[in-house]
């Protein structure tokens, strides 16, 4: 679990900063040899004050019906993590990293530069945040429209 959290921190998705509220995380098995990190943002109370319009996910049948010859679909891997969270929400998106700091001697100076505090915060959309899917798609549409307006 430590390696997974350190990886996310090294990618800049979780950074030091002012913290007012925190989230929890745990891991679940992913196959026989791996784990999947689950960052439980529903526990911080932020969802109770956020609003997002209904976001219905398409079914497989709807997705296949929308594909035409020459179209393709791809997995964006870190989907929500591609989009930054609003600055006002970052301080309520804390993560307790005290038990999962890197123990690799090569990372000692990196860890020291992040500060001594046990808490850091999400800088990107995280799973469980009520408006993450809606906000991510809004930003994706804005990028698409820029390409259409300004050209390739």
C-alpha atoms as a PDB file:
ATOM      1  CA  UNK A   1       0.000   0.000   0.000  1.00  0.00           C
ATOM      2  CA  UNK A   2       2.886   2.334   0.808  1.00  0.00           C
ATOM      3  CA  UNK A   3       4.292   2.022  -2.737  1.00  0.00           C
ATOM      4  CA  UNK A   4       0.927   2.901  -4.302  1.00  0.00           C
ATOM      5  CA  UNK A   5       0.468   6.038  -2.188  1.00  0.00           C
ATOM      6  CA  UNK A   6       4.087   7.141  -2.710  1.00  0.00           C
ATOM      7  CA  UNK A   7       3.601   6.754  -6.472  1.00  0.00           C
ATOM      8  CA  UNK A   8       0.539   9.030  -6.430  1.00  0.00           C
ATOM      9  CA  UNK A   9       2.423  11.556  -4.300  1.00  0.00           C
ATOM     10  CA  UNK A  10       5.432  11.529  -6.635  1.00  0.00           C
ATOM     11  CA  UNK A  11       3.160  12.185  -9.612  1.00  0.00           C
ATOM     12  CA  UNK A  12       1.980  15.379  -7.909  1.00  0.00           C
ATOM     13  CA  UNK A  13      -1.614  14.283  -7.374  1.00  0.00           C
ATOM     14  CA  UNK A  14      -1.199  14.648  -3.595  1.00  0.00           C
ATOM     15  CA  UNK A  15       0.884  17.590  -2.346  1.00  0.00           C
ATOM     16  CA  UNK A  16       1.539  19.423   0.935  1.00  0.00           C
ATOM     17  CA  UNK A  17      -0.759  22.345   1.671  1.00  0.00           C
ATOM     18  CA  UNK A  18      -3.335  23.784   4.060  1.00  0.00           C
ATOM     19  CA  UNK A  19      -5.728  21.098   5.339  1.00  0.00           C
ATOM     20  CA  UNK A  20      -9.137  21.640   6.946  1.00  0.00           C
ATOM     21  CA  UNK A  21     -10.765  18.250   6.307  1.00  0.00           C
ATOM     22  CA  UNK A  22      -9.549  14.800   5.445  1.00  0.00           C
ATOM     23  CA  UNK A  23     -10.360  11.658   3.507  1.00  0.00           C
ATOM     24  CA  UNK A  24      -9.528   8.027   4.231  1.00  0.00           C
ATOM     25  CA  UNK A  25      -7.997   5.328   2.067  1.00  0.00           C
ATOM     26  CA  UNK A  26      -7.710   1.564   2.082  1.00  0.00           C
ATOM     27  CA  UNK A  27      -6.795  -1.180  -0.367  1.00  0.00           C
ATOM     28  CA  UNK A  28      -8.666  -4.101  -1.902  1.00  0.00           C
ATOM     29  CA  UNK A  29      -7.291  -7.113  -3.744  1.00  0.00           C
ATOM     30  CA  UNK A  30      -6.837  -6.754  -7.490  1.00  0.00           C
ATOM     31  CA  UNK A  31      -6.164 -10.214  -8.801  1.00  0.00           C
ATOM     32  CA  UNK A  32      -3.716 -12.447  -6.971  1.00  0.00           C
ATOM     33  CA  UNK A  33      -0.622 -10.254  -6.925  1.00  0.00           C
ATOM     34  CA  UNK A  34      -1.794  -6.654  -6.786  1.00  0.00           C
ATOM     35  CA  UNK A  35      -3.980  -4.259  -4.826  1.00  0.00           C
ATOM     36  CA  UNK A  36      -6.220  -1.370  -5.828  1.00  0.00           C
ATOM     37  CA  UNK A  37      -6.175   1.752  -3.702  1.00  0.00           C
ATOM     38  CA  UNK A  38      -9.561   3.129  -2.694  1.00  0.00           C
ATOM     39  CA  UNK A  39      -9.555   6.741  -1.556  1.00  0.00           C
ATOM     40  CA  UNK A  40     -12.801   7.163   0.379  1.00  0.00           C
ATOM     41  CA  UNK A  41     -13.743  10.776  -0.096  1.00  0.00           C
ATOM     42  CA  UNK A  42     -17.301  10.274   1.098  1.00  0.00           C
ATOM     43  CA  UNK A  43     -16.125  10.333   4.718  1.00  0.00           C
ATOM     44  CA  UNK A  44     -14.929  13.970   4.703  1.00  0.00           C
ATOM     45  CA  UNK A  45     -18.395  15.554   4.477  1.00  0.00           C
ATOM     46  CA  UNK A  46     -17.542  17.549   1.357  1.00  0.00           C
ATOM     47  CA  UNK A  47     -20.208  15.788  -0.725  1.00  0.00           C
ATOM     48  CA  UNK A  48     -22.911  17.110   1.583  1.00  0.00           C
ATOM     49  CA  UNK A  49     -22.230  20.688   0.434  1.00  0.00           C
ATOM     50  CA  UNK A  50     -21.507  20.026  -3.262  1.00  0.00           C
ATOM     51  CA  UNK A  51     -24.072  19.823  -6.034  1.00  0.00           C
ATOM     52  CA  UNK A  52     -23.762  18.236  -9.454  1.00  0.00           C
ATOM     53  CA  UNK A  53     -26.443  17.485 -12.037  1.00  0.00           C
ATOM     54  CA  UNK A  54     -27.519  13.906 -12.521  1.00  0.00           C
ATOM     55  CA  UNK A  55     -24.797  12.040 -14.331  1.00  0.00           C
ATOM     56  CA  UNK A  56     -26.137   8.905 -15.986  1.00  0.00           C
ATOM     57  CA  UNK A  57     -23.570   6.436 -17.212  1.00  0.00           C
ATOM     58  CA  UNK A  58     -24.228   4.790 -20.591  1.00  0.00           C
ATOM     59  CA  UNK A  59     -24.861   1.079 -20.813  1.00  0.00           C
ATOM     60  CA  UNK A  60     -22.766  -1.215 -23.015  1.00  0.00           C
ATOM     61  CA  UNK A  61     -25.619  -1.325 -25.546  1.00  0.00           C
ATOM     62  CA  UNK A  62     -25.755   2.485 -25.778  1.00  0.00           C
ATOM     63  CA  UNK A  63     -21.982   2.697 -26.153  1.00  0.00           C
ATOM     64  CA  UNK A  64     -21.859   0.106 -28.927  1.00  0.00           C
ATOM     65  CA  UNK A  65     -24.736   1.819 -30.735  1.00  0.00           C
ATOM     66  CA  UNK A  66     -22.777   5.102 -30.717  1.00  0.00           C
ATOM     67  CA  UNK A  67     -19.666   3.574 -32.305  1.00  0.00           C
ATOM     68  CA  UNK A  68     -19.375   3.776 -36.078  1.00  0.00           C
ATOM     69  CA  UNK A  69     -16.829   2.182 -38.430  1.00  0.00           C
ATOM     70  CA  UNK A  70     -13.480   3.884 -37.892  1.00  0.00           C
ATOM     71  CA  UNK A  71     -14.318   4.966 -34.322  1.00  0.00           C
ATOM     72  CA  UNK A  72     -12.387   3.651 -31.377  1.00  0.00           C
ATOM     73  CA  UNK A  73     -12.552   3.841 -27.619  1.00  0.00           C
ATOM     74  CA  UNK A  74      -9.636   4.148 -25.253  1.00  0.00           C
ATOM     75  CA  UNK A  75      -9.037   4.046 -21.536  1.00  0.00           C
ATOM     76  CA  UNK A  76      -7.666   7.311 -20.161  1.00  0.00           C
ATOM     77  CA  UNK A  77      -6.066   5.388 -17.265  1.00  0.00           C
ATOM     78  CA  UNK A  78      -6.009   8.002 -14.527  1.00  0.00           C
ATOM     79  CA  UNK A  79      -9.300   9.509 -15.729  1.00  0.00           C
ATOM     80  CA  UNK A  80     -10.278  11.863 -12.857  1.00  0.00           C
ATOM     81  CA  UNK A  81      -6.636  12.518 -12.018  1.00  0.00           C
ATOM     82  CA  UNK A  82      -6.218  14.257 -15.381  1.00  0.00           C
ATOM     83  CA  UNK A  83      -8.194  17.223 -14.036  1.00  0.00           C
ATOM     84  CA  UNK A  84      -7.271  19.544 -11.181  1.00  0.00           C
ATOM     85  CA  UNK A  85      -9.694  20.055  -8.348  1.00  0.00           C
ATOM     86  CA  UNK A  86     -10.826  23.628  -7.618  1.00  0.00           C
ATOM     87  CA  UNK A  87      -8.477  25.433  -5.231  1.00  0.00           C
ATOM     88  CA  UNK A  88     -11.244  26.075  -2.691  1.00  0.00           C
ATOM     89  CA  UNK A  89     -11.899  22.325  -2.387  1.00  0.00           C
ATOM     90  CA  UNK A  90      -8.262  21.267  -1.969  1.00  0.00           C
ATOM     91  CA  UNK A  91      -7.998  22.150   1.713  1.00  0.00           C
ATOM     92  CA  UNK A  92     -10.979  19.873   2.453  1.00  0.00           C
ATOM     93  CA  UNK A  93      -9.365  16.974   0.580  1.00  0.00           C
ATOM     94  CA  UNK A  94      -6.634  16.010   3.027  1.00  0.00           C
ATOM     95  CA  UNK A  95      -4.879  12.630   3.112  1.00  0.00           C
ATOM     96  CA  UNK A  96      -3.081  11.277   6.198  1.00  0.00           C
ATOM     97  CA  UNK A  97       0.283  10.121   4.826  1.00  0.00           C
ATOM     98  CA  UNK A  98       1.985   9.566   8.188  1.00  0.00           C
ATOM     99  CA  UNK A  99       1.864   5.771   7.895  1.00  0.00           C
ATOM    100  CA  UNK A 100       2.702   5.533   4.208  1.00  0.00           C
ATOM    101  CA  UNK A 101       5.671   7.858   3.746  1.00  0.00           C
ATOM    102  CA  UNK A 102       8.452   6.440   1.601  1.00  0.00           C
ATOM    103  CA  UNK A 103      11.028   4.403   3.521  1.00  0.00           C
ATOM    104  CA  UNK A 104      13.405   4.241   0.561  1.00  0.00           C
ATOM    105  CA  UNK A 105      16.703   5.963   1.503  1.00  0.00           C
ATOM    106  CA  UNK A 106      16.832   7.474  -1.989  1.00  0.00           C
ATOM    107  CA  UNK A 107      13.588   9.347  -1.231  1.00  0.00           C
ATOM    108  CA  UNK A 108      14.797  10.848   2.074  1.00  0.00           C
ATOM    109  CA  UNK A 109      15.480  14.337   0.703  1.00  0.00           C
ATOM    110  CA  UNK A 110      12.229  14.281  -1.287  1.00  0.00           C
ATOM    111  CA  UNK A 111      10.248  13.365   1.861  1.00  0.00           C
ATOM    112  CA  UNK A 112      12.065  16.019   3.925  1.00  0.00           C
ATOM    113  CA  UNK A 113      11.188  18.668   1.344  1.00  0.00           C
ATOM    114  CA  UNK A 114       7.501  17.886   1.683  1.00  0.00           C
ATOM    115  CA  UNK A 115       7.420  18.948   5.325  1.00  0.00           C
ATOM    116  CA  UNK A 116       7.027  17.108   8.623  1.00  0.00           C
ATOM    117  CA  UNK A 117       3.227  17.191   8.857  1.00  0.00           C
ATOM    118  CA  UNK A 118       1.186  14.000   8.662  1.00  0.00           C
ATOM    119  CA  UNK A 119      -1.342  15.486   6.220  1.00  0.00           C
ATOM    120  CA  UNK A 120      -1.153  16.341   2.535  1.00  0.00           C
ATOM    121  CA  UNK A 121      -4.009  17.106   0.151  1.00  0.00           C
ATOM    122  CA  UNK A 122      -5.444  16.077  -3.190  1.00  0.00           C
ATOM    123  CA  UNK A 123      -4.638  18.434  -6.052  1.00  0.00           C
ATOM    124  CA  UNK A 124      -6.701  16.464  -8.597  1.00  0.00           C
ATOM    125  CA  UNK A 125     -10.258  15.124  -8.776  1.00  0.00           C
ATOM    126  CA  UNK A 126     -10.614  12.055  -6.612  1.00  0.00           C
ATOM    127  CA  UNK A 127     -13.007   9.135  -6.686  1.00  0.00           C
ATOM    128  CA  UNK A 128     -15.998   9.621  -4.446  1.00  0.00           C
ATOM    129  CA  UNK A 129     -16.198  13.390  -4.863  1.00  0.00           C
ATOM    130  CA  UNK A 130     -19.787  14.092  -5.945  1.00  0.00           C
ATOM    131  CA  UNK A 131     -19.024  16.390  -8.860  1.00  0.00           C
ATOM    132  CA  UNK A 132     -15.846  14.690 -10.169  1.00  0.00           C
ATOM    133  CA  UNK A 133     -17.491  12.967 -13.175  1.00  0.00           C
ATOM    134  CA  UNK A 134     -19.464  16.062 -14.151  1.00  0.00           C
ATOM    135  CA  UNK A 135     -16.549  18.481 -13.747  1.00  0.00           C
ATOM    136  CA  UNK A 136     -14.141  16.180 -15.594  1.00  0.00           C
ATOM    137  CA  UNK A 137     -16.481  15.886 -18.579  1.00  0.00           C
ATOM    138  CA  UNK A 138     -17.077  19.645 -18.606  1.00  0.00           C
ATOM    139  CA  UNK A 139     -13.337  20.248 -18.838  1.00  0.00           C
ATOM    140  CA  UNK A 140     -12.991  17.578 -21.529  1.00  0.00           C
ATOM    141  CA  UNK A 141     -15.720  19.268 -23.611  1.00  0.00           C
ATOM    142  CA  UNK A 142     -14.000  22.643 -23.227  1.00  0.00           C
ATOM    143  CA  UNK A 143     -10.785  21.184 -24.651  1.00  0.00           C
ATOM    144  CA  UNK A 144     -12.692  19.542 -27.511  1.00  0.00           C
ATOM    145  CA  UNK A 145     -14.472  22.796 -28.374  1.00  0.00           C
ATOM    146  CA  UNK A 146     -11.154  24.671 -28.462  1.00  0.00           C
ATOM    147  CA  UNK A 147      -9.853  22.180 -31.028  1.00  0.00           C
ATOM    148  CA  UNK A 148     -13.001  22.639 -33.115  1.00  0.00           C
ATOM    149  CA  UNK A 149     -12.861  26.442 -32.942  1.00  0.00           C
ATOM    150  CA  UNK A 150      -9.106  26.899 -33.386  1.00  0.00           C
ATOM    151  CA  UNK A 151      -8.521  23.831 -35.549  1.00  0.00           C
ATOM    152  CA  UNK A 152      -5.948  21.094 -35.218  1.00  0.00           C
END
